[in-house]
């Protein structure tokens, strides 16, 4: 699955694609790979879980954490639908204070 974020640079809008791959069963657990296509390079990560659902949920939370702790978010130039309305990804409870817009309302 894929979600498109946008970063407003000094020279114009840049696409920031977020891709979540289908969970894969390993020998002892499941993994769910994801990629964030930041303007300065692609970041790759995984969520791991006892089953496919847990692996995907943890991957989605890792994406949310990566986004909300990024320099791109801190610059205030990253958006999904509307500027300042959040990105639609869950985050770990330790960083919920960073949520903005609809994300903050949904997690509140």
Protein backbone atom coordinates (compact mmCIF):
# COMPACT_ATOMS: atom_id res chain seq x y z
CA UNK A 1 0.00 0.00 0.00
CA UNK A 2 1.20 3.51 -0.66
CA UNK A 3 0.52 6.98 0.69
CA UNK A 4 1.80 10.16 -0.87
CA UNK A 5 3.07 12.96 1.35
CA UNK A 6 4.38 16.27 -0.01
CA UNK A 7 7.32 18.37 1.14
CA UNK A 8 7.28 22.05 0.24
CA UNK A 9 10.89 22.90 -0.62
CA UNK A 10 12.28 26.29 -1.55
CA UNK A 11 12.07 25.25 -5.21
CA UNK A 12 8.60 23.66 -5.15
CA UNK A 13 6.68 20.63 -3.95
CA UNK A 14 8.49 17.30 -3.69
CA UNK A 15 6.77 13.91 -3.47
CA UNK A 16 7.46 11.87 -0.35
CA UNK A 17 6.04 8.40 -1.06
CA UNK A 18 5.44 6.05 1.87
CA UNK A 19 5.22 2.38 0.88
CA UNK A 20 4.16 -0.47 3.17
CA UNK A 21 4.77 -3.97 1.85
CA UNK A 22 2.69 -7.03 2.67
CA UNK A 23 3.80 -8.85 5.83
CA UNK A 24 6.03 -11.88 5.30
CA UNK A 25 6.13 -14.97 7.48
CA UNK A 26 9.56 -15.87 8.82
CA UNK A 27 10.69 -18.94 10.69
CA UNK A 28 9.66 -17.58 14.10
CA UNK A 29 7.80 -14.32 13.45
CA UNK A 30 6.41 -11.99 10.80
CA UNK A 31 7.98 -8.88 9.27
CA UNK A 32 6.46 -5.95 7.43
CA UNK A 33 8.85 -3.79 5.39
CA UNK A 34 8.29 -0.13 4.63
CA UNK A 35 10.02 2.70 2.81
CA UNK A 36 9.82 6.48 3.07
CA UNK A 37 11.11 8.32 0.00
CA UNK A 38 12.51 11.42 1.70
CA UNK A 39 13.88 14.21 -0.52
CA UNK A 40 17.40 13.39 0.70
CA UNK A 41 17.13 9.60 0.24
CA UNK A 42 15.01 6.55 0.94
CA UNK A 43 14.66 5.26 4.50
CA UNK A 44 13.83 1.57 4.90
CA UNK A 45 12.54 -0.14 8.01
CA UNK A 46 10.52 -3.08 9.32
CA UNK A 47 7.89 -3.90 11.87
CA UNK A 48 8.09 -7.36 13.46
CA UNK A 49 5.34 -9.28 15.19
CA UNK A 50 3.97 -12.61 16.27
CA UNK A 51 1.50 -12.48 13.38
CA UNK A 52 0.94 -10.44 10.21
CA UNK A 53 -1.41 -7.98 11.91
CA UNK A 54 1.04 -7.13 14.68
CA UNK A 55 3.91 -6.78 12.19
CA UNK A 56 1.90 -4.34 10.06
CA UNK A 57 0.69 -2.33 13.07
CA UNK A 58 4.25 -1.97 14.34
CA UNK A 59 5.46 -0.97 10.86
CA UNK A 60 2.76 1.72 10.71
CA UNK A 61 3.80 3.02 14.15
CA UNK A 62 7.45 3.04 13.06
CA UNK A 63 6.47 5.09 10.00
CA UNK A 64 4.58 7.53 12.20
CA UNK A 65 7.59 7.84 14.51
CA UNK A 66 9.96 8.34 11.57
CA UNK A 67 7.74 11.07 10.14
CA UNK A 68 7.05 12.94 13.38
CA UNK A 69 10.71 12.92 14.45
CA UNK A 70 12.02 13.94 11.01
CA UNK A 71 13.61 17.25 10.13
CA UNK A 72 11.01 17.52 7.35
CA UNK A 73 8.15 17.51 9.89
CA UNK A 74 10.02 19.86 12.24
CA UNK A 75 10.48 22.31 9.35
CA UNK A 76 6.67 22.58 9.12
CA UNK A 77 6.73 21.93 5.37
CA UNK A 78 5.48 18.34 5.23
CA UNK A 79 1.83 17.55 4.52
CA UNK A 80 -0.53 14.76 3.58
CA UNK A 81 -3.91 16.30 2.74
CA UNK A 82 -3.74 19.74 4.35
CA UNK A 83 -0.80 21.52 5.94
CA UNK A 84 -0.79 20.99 9.72
CA UNK A 85 -3.47 18.29 9.71
CA UNK A 86 -1.24 15.27 10.33
CA UNK A 87 -0.20 12.31 8.22
CA UNK A 88 -2.66 9.54 9.13
CA UNK A 89 -0.16 7.17 10.77
CA UNK A 90 -0.28 5.99 14.39
CA UNK A 91 2.70 6.62 16.66
CA UNK A 92 4.05 4.99 19.83
CA UNK A 93 2.54 6.42 23.01
CA UNK A 94 5.87 7.99 24.04
CA UNK A 95 5.66 10.54 21.21
CA UNK A 96 1.92 11.24 21.03
CA UNK A 97 2.64 14.76 22.25
CA UNK A 98 4.15 15.46 18.80
CA UNK A 99 0.89 14.78 16.94
CA UNK A 100 -0.79 17.59 15.02
CA UNK A 101 -4.21 18.25 13.49
CA UNK A 102 -6.42 15.26 12.80
CA UNK A 103 -3.78 12.87 14.12
CA UNK A 104 -3.89 14.55 17.54
CA UNK A 105 -7.70 14.47 17.56
CA UNK A 106 -7.82 10.79 16.57
CA UNK A 107 -5.29 9.75 19.23
CA UNK A 108 -6.76 12.05 21.92
